[in-house]
Protein backbone atom coordinates (compact mmCIF):
# COMPACT_ATOMS: atom_id res chain seq x y z
CA MET A 1 11.77 15.08 17.73
CA LYS A 2 9.13 12.47 18.61
CA ILE A 3 6.91 10.09 16.69
CA ILE A 4 3.28 11.27 16.62
CA PRO A 5 0.89 8.40 15.81
CA CYS A 6 -2.36 9.14 14.00
CA PRO A 7 -5.39 6.90 14.64
CA SER A 8 -4.82 5.07 11.34
CA SER A 9 -1.30 3.87 12.18
CA PRO A 10 -0.83 3.46 15.95
CA LEU A 11 1.02 0.13 15.87
CA LEU A 12 3.28 1.04 12.95
CA ALA A 13 4.14 4.37 14.60
CA ARG A 14 5.19 2.58 17.78
CA ARG A 15 7.28 0.12 15.77
CA ILE A 16 8.99 3.01 13.97
CA ALA A 17 9.72 4.66 17.31
CA GLU A 18 11.24 1.45 18.68
CA VAL A 19 13.45 0.89 15.63
CA SER A 20 14.56 4.53 15.37
CA GLY A 21 15.10 5.00 19.10
CA LEU A 22 12.68 7.94 19.22
CA ASP A 23 9.97 8.48 21.82
CA VAL A 24 6.27 8.43 21.07
CA GLY A 25 4.80 11.91 21.47
CA SER A 26 1.59 12.84 23.22
CA ALA A 27 -1.43 13.48 20.99
CA VAL A 28 -5.19 13.42 21.42
CA PHE A 29 -7.63 12.57 18.63
CA ARG A 30 -11.35 12.54 19.27
CA ARG A 31 -14.69 13.31 17.66
CA PHE A 32 -17.26 15.93 18.57
CA PRO A 33 -20.93 14.83 18.75
CA ASP A 34 -21.57 16.42 15.35
CA GLY A 35 -18.84 14.30 13.74
CA GLU A 36 -16.11 16.95 13.50
CA LEU A 37 -12.60 15.89 14.51
CA TYR A 38 -10.52 17.32 17.33
CA VAL A 39 -6.73 17.06 17.38
CA ARG A 40 -4.28 18.18 20.06
CA VAL A 41 -0.55 17.49 19.80
CA GLN A 42 1.49 18.32 22.89
CA GLU A 43 4.82 18.60 21.09
CA LYS A 44 6.55 21.35 19.08
CA GLU A 45 8.41 19.07 16.68
CA GLY A 46 7.53 15.61 15.44
CA VAL A 47 7.25 12.95 12.79
CA VAL A 48 3.55 12.45 12.20
CA VAL A 49 2.73 8.89 11.09
CA GLY A 50 -0.64 8.28 9.51
CA SER A 51 -1.91 6.37 6.49
CA ILE A 52 -4.75 7.89 4.47
CA ASN A 53 -7.41 5.25 4.07
CA SER A 54 -10.39 7.50 4.75
CA ASN A 55 -11.36 11.17 4.83
CA ASP A 56 -11.03 11.15 8.63
CA ASP A 57 -7.47 9.85 8.28
CA LEU A 58 -6.65 12.74 5.97
CA ILE A 59 -8.11 15.40 8.28
CA SER A 60 -6.40 13.93 11.35
CA LEU A 61 -3.04 13.93 9.56
CA ILE A 62 -3.36 17.51 8.30
CA PHE A 63 -4.51 18.84 11.67
CA ALA A 64 -1.63 17.14 13.50
CA LEU A 65 0.94 18.50 11.03
CA ASP A 66 -0.49 22.00 11.30
CA VAL A 67 -0.01 22.13 15.08
CA LEU A 68 3.73 21.44 14.91
CA ASP A 69 6.37 24.13 14.42
CA LYS A 70 8.59 21.60 12.64
CA ALA A 71 7.16 18.43 11.14
CA LYS A 72 7.81 15.48 8.89
CA ALA A 73 4.90 13.56 7.42
CA VAL A 74 5.10 9.79 7.15
CA VAL A 75 2.15 8.58 5.10
CA PRO A 76 2.68 4.82 4.72
CA TYR A 77 -0.37 4.42 2.49
CA MET A 78 -0.98 7.51 0.38
CA GLY A 79 -4.68 7.56 -0.36
CA TYR A 80 -6.10 9.69 -3.18
CA ALA A 81 -3.10 8.77 -5.38
CA ARG A 82 -5.05 6.93 -8.06
CA GLN A 83 -6.48 10.20 -9.41
CA ASP A 84 -3.04 11.29 -10.63
CA LYS A 85 -4.16 13.13 -13.78
CA VAL A 86 -7.26 14.41 -15.54
CA PHE A 87 -9.08 11.49 -17.18
CA GLN A 88 -12.23 13.46 -17.97
CA GLU A 89 -12.67 17.21 -18.29
CA GLY A 90 -13.44 18.96 -15.02
CA GLU A 91 -11.93 16.35 -12.69
CA ALA A 92 -9.96 17.35 -9.62
CA VAL A 93 -6.49 15.78 -9.57
CA SER A 94 -6.73 14.67 -5.95
CA ILE A 95 -3.08 13.70 -5.41
CA LYS A 96 -1.90 17.07 -6.74
CA ILE A 97 -4.09 18.88 -4.20
CA LEU A 98 -3.01 16.54 -1.43
CA ALA A 99 0.68 17.03 -2.28
CA GLU A 100 0.28 20.80 -2.07
CA ILE A 101 -1.39 20.57 1.35
CA LEU A 102 1.10 18.10 2.85
CA GLU A 103 4.16 19.95 1.58
CA SER A 104 2.82 23.25 2.91
CA LYS A 105 2.73 21.75 6.41
CA ALA A 106 5.71 19.35 6.45
CA GLU A 107 9.37 19.82 5.56
CA GLU A 108 9.43 16.31 4.11
CA VAL A 109 6.89 13.69 3.07
CA ILE A 110 7.72 9.98 3.25
CA THR A 111 5.49 7.28 1.78
CA VAL A 112 5.64 3.64 0.71
CA ASN A 113 4.94 2.47 -2.85
CA ILE A 114 2.81 5.39 -3.97
CA HIS A 115 0.40 4.32 -6.69
CA SER A 116 2.32 5.62 -9.72
CA ARG A 117 5.23 7.71 -10.92
CA GLU A 118 2.67 10.24 -12.11
CA ALA A 119 1.32 10.53 -8.56
CA ALA A 120 4.83 10.96 -7.16
CA SER A 121 5.60 13.69 -9.70
CA HIS A 122 3.14 16.05 -8.01
CA PHE A 123 5.41 16.26 -4.93
CA LYS A 124 8.51 18.44 -4.74
CA ASN A 125 10.20 16.62 -1.85
CA LEU A 126 8.90 13.07 -1.59
CA LYS A 127 10.68 9.94 -0.36
CA ASN A 128 8.88 7.03 -2.00
CA LEU A 129 10.11 3.84 -0.30
CA ASP A 130 9.82 0.39 -1.88
CA ALA A 131 8.43 -2.45 0.25
CA MET A 132 8.44 -5.05 -2.54
CA PRO A 133 11.70 -6.59 -1.24
CA LEU A 134 9.86 -7.25 2.06
CA ILE A 135 7.31 -9.34 0.17
CA GLY A 136 10.16 -11.19 -1.52
CA LYS A 137 11.87 -11.79 1.84
CA HIS A 138 8.66 -13.25 3.28
CA PHE A 139 8.65 -15.93 0.57
CA ALA A 140 12.43 -16.37 0.33
CA GLU A 141 12.50 -19.97 1.54
CA LYS A 142 9.23 -21.08 -0.03
CA ASP A 143 8.86 -22.82 -3.37
CA VAL A 144 6.51 -20.40 -5.11
CA VAL A 145 5.93 -18.65 -8.42
CA MET A 146 5.13 -14.94 -8.27
CA ILE A 147 2.60 -13.53 -10.72
CA SER A 148 1.59 -9.94 -11.41
CA PRO A 149 -2.15 -9.65 -12.18
CA ASP A 150 -1.34 -7.32 -15.09
CA LYS A 151 1.59 -5.86 -16.99
CA GLY A 152 1.32 -2.61 -15.00
CA SER A 153 2.78 -4.31 -11.92
CA LEU A 154 5.55 -6.07 -13.83
CA GLU A 155 8.42 -4.15 -12.19
CA ARG A 156 6.95 -4.72 -8.75
CA VAL A 157 6.73 -8.49 -9.10
CA LYS A 158 10.25 -8.59 -10.58
CA THR A 159 11.61 -6.82 -7.50
CA ALA A 160 9.82 -9.15 -5.08
CA ALA A 161 10.78 -12.27 -7.04
CA LYS A 162 14.43 -11.26 -7.16
CA ARG A 163 14.52 -11.07 -3.34
CA ALA A 164 12.62 -14.36 -3.06
CA ALA A 165 14.86 -16.03 -5.65
CA CYS A 166 11.83 -17.48 -7.42
CA GLU A 167 10.28 -17.52 -10.89
CA TRP A 168 7.95 -14.72 -11.90
CA ASP A 169 5.53 -13.80 -14.66
CA TYR A 170 2.56 -11.56 -15.37
CA MET A 171 -0.97 -12.07 -16.64
CA GLU A 172 -1.33 -11.14 -20.28
CA LYS A 173 -4.47 -10.48 -22.29
CA ARG A 174 -4.65 -12.17 -25.68
CA ARG A 175 -7.49 -11.40 -28.06
CA ILE A 176 -8.78 -14.63 -29.59
CA ASP A 177 -11.45 -13.07 -31.80
CA ALA A 178 -13.68 -10.00 -31.91
CA THR A 179 -15.55 -10.99 -28.75
CA THR A 180 -13.17 -13.25 -26.81
CA VAL A 181 -10.17 -12.28 -24.68
CA GLU A 182 -7.97 -14.90 -23.00
CA ILE A 183 -5.99 -13.98 -19.87
CA THR A 184 -3.09 -16.26 -18.98
CA PRO A 185 0.44 -16.04 -17.57
CA LYS A 186 2.69 -14.80 -20.37
CA SER A 187 5.13 -17.70 -20.34
CA ILE A 188 5.20 -19.75 -17.12
CA ASP A 189 3.26 -22.99 -16.71
CA VAL A 190 1.59 -22.84 -13.27
CA GLU A 191 0.24 -26.38 -13.20
CA GLY A 192 0.94 -28.04 -9.85
CA LYS A 193 2.65 -24.94 -8.45
CA ASP A 194 2.02 -22.69 -5.45
CA VAL A 195 1.38 -19.24 -6.91
CA VAL A 196 1.55 -15.85 -5.21
CA ILE A 197 -0.23 -12.95 -6.90
CA VAL A 198 1.79 -9.82 -6.08
CA ASP A 199 0.52 -6.23 -6.33
CA ASP A 200 1.02 -2.89 -4.61
CA ILE A 201 -2.61 -2.34 -3.57
CA ILE A 202 -5.54 -4.70 -3.14
CA SER A 203 -8.61 -2.50 -2.93
CA THR A 204 -11.85 -4.18 -4.03
CA GLY A 205 -10.02 -7.40 -4.88
CA GLY A 206 -11.72 -7.85 -8.24
CA THR A 207 -8.55 -8.12 -10.32
CA VAL A 208 -6.85 -10.54 -7.92
CA ALA A 209 -9.99 -12.70 -7.60
CA GLU A 210 -10.29 -13.00 -11.38
CA ALA A 211 -6.59 -13.82 -11.70
CA ALA A 212 -6.93 -16.52 -9.02
CA LYS A 213 -9.80 -18.21 -10.84
CA ILE A 214 -7.77 -18.26 -14.07
CA LEU A 215 -4.69 -19.65 -12.33
CA TYR A 216 -6.71 -22.45 -10.74
CA SER A 217 -8.25 -23.27 -14.12
CA LEU A 218 -4.68 -23.66 -15.43
CA GLY A 219 -3.88 -26.17 -12.71
CA ALA A 220 -2.26 -24.09 -9.95
CA LYS A 221 -1.89 -26.08 -6.74
CA SER A 222 -2.66 -23.04 -4.56
CA VAL A 223 -3.00 -19.29 -5.03
CA SER A 224 -2.18 -16.69 -2.38
CA ALA A 225 -2.18 -12.89 -2.58
CA ALA A 226 0.55 -10.56 -1.33
CA CYS A 227 0.50 -6.79 -1.37
CA VAL A 228 1.96 -3.71 0.28
CA HIS A 229 -1.34 -1.94 0.96
CA ALA A 230 -4.28 -4.14 2.03
CA VAL A 231 -7.10 -1.62 1.62
CA LEU A 232 -9.63 -4.45 1.17
CA ALA A 233 -12.73 -2.31 0.64
CA ASP A 234 -16.27 -3.64 0.30
CA ASN A 235 -15.66 -7.08 1.83
CA ALA A 236 -12.76 -7.68 -0.54
CA ALA A 237 -11.24 -10.34 1.73
CA ILE A 238 -14.41 -12.44 1.49
CA LYS A 239 -14.37 -12.01 -2.29
CA LEU A 240 -10.78 -13.24 -2.44
CA PHE A 241 -11.41 -16.27 -0.23
CA ASN A 242 -14.51 -17.13 -2.27
CA ALA A 243 -12.27 -17.06 -5.37
CA GLY A 244 -10.02 -19.67 -3.76
CA ILE A 245 -7.27 -17.42 -2.42
CA LYS A 246 -5.44 -19.50 0.20
CA ASP A 247 -3.92 -16.61 2.14
CA ILE A 248 -3.57 -12.81 2.11
CA ILE A 249 -0.22 -11.37 3.19
CA ALA A 250 0.34 -7.63 3.53
CA THR A 251 2.50 -5.04 5.24
CA ASP A 252 1.29 -2.78 8.04
CA THR A 253 0.94 0.38 5.91
CA VAL A 254 -2.77 -0.31 6.36
CA GLU A 255 -3.12 -2.00 9.73
CA CYS A 256 -5.35 -5.07 9.51
CA ALA A 257 -5.53 -8.79 10.28
CA PHE A 258 -3.39 -9.58 7.23
CA SER A 259 -0.47 -7.28 8.17
CA ARG A 260 2.32 -9.83 8.57
CA MET A 261 5.25 -7.72 7.39
CA SER A 262 6.28 -4.39 8.89
CA VAL A 263 7.67 -1.39 7.02
CA ALA A 264 8.88 0.12 10.32
CA GLU A 265 12.56 -0.54 9.71
CA LEU A 266 12.27 0.73 6.13
CA ILE A 267 10.67 3.99 7.28
CA ALA A 268 12.91 4.43 10.34
CA GLY A 269 15.94 4.28 8.07
CA SER A 270 14.63 7.21 6.03
CA ILE A 271 13.73 9.57 8.89
């Protein structure tokens, strides 16, 4: 069995191959003049590695899996996972549909920090790996405070902070009156401290940028952002730097300039 890299994850796939001792398989991905995608995999069995950060990523992954007689799907960043239930009548539950497609073509699906437990519940045979300890390890010898931008990421920041052996907290909304809401860390005083905002995904960056502004107003010495999946859509990185974010640190589930931690060893251990 060989590692088959999709166009979205070429470097991570090679890293997984190196750690696991597997060879990189031969595959061709290209585009026809009309925009349609062409995929050819010259293997019979393989571990297809490809994050889903666009529709093209999804099609490339599905086509590659379909060619193989025996396949595992490694989807480091599982796109379409935020629509994990029906919020309004008539909506398609995208992750449910995606789970059905992937599991019809792969004997096992492996991902990293899928968006929610609800999203994971739509799979029958999913390995959902946790990269939060990697974030903690990155900051293990630094004097920082880790903050979740909301209560929803509380467990994530706790996991990272435990590995980093540092203090942690989360941003809490407090209603002052009928028209005013105050957002502050629940209990920790951040004045004069280096703060790291920790989340699973940074997409548009709006939540993190707002949190950074609040933390600076409370006297934080510096504010950085750390995440597993650096989607960074719509010039999100510029938005974060304009908000005073000192640095952006991410894993290579979405390969970009801010990918400073690799999930290769984590994934290789699960194959």
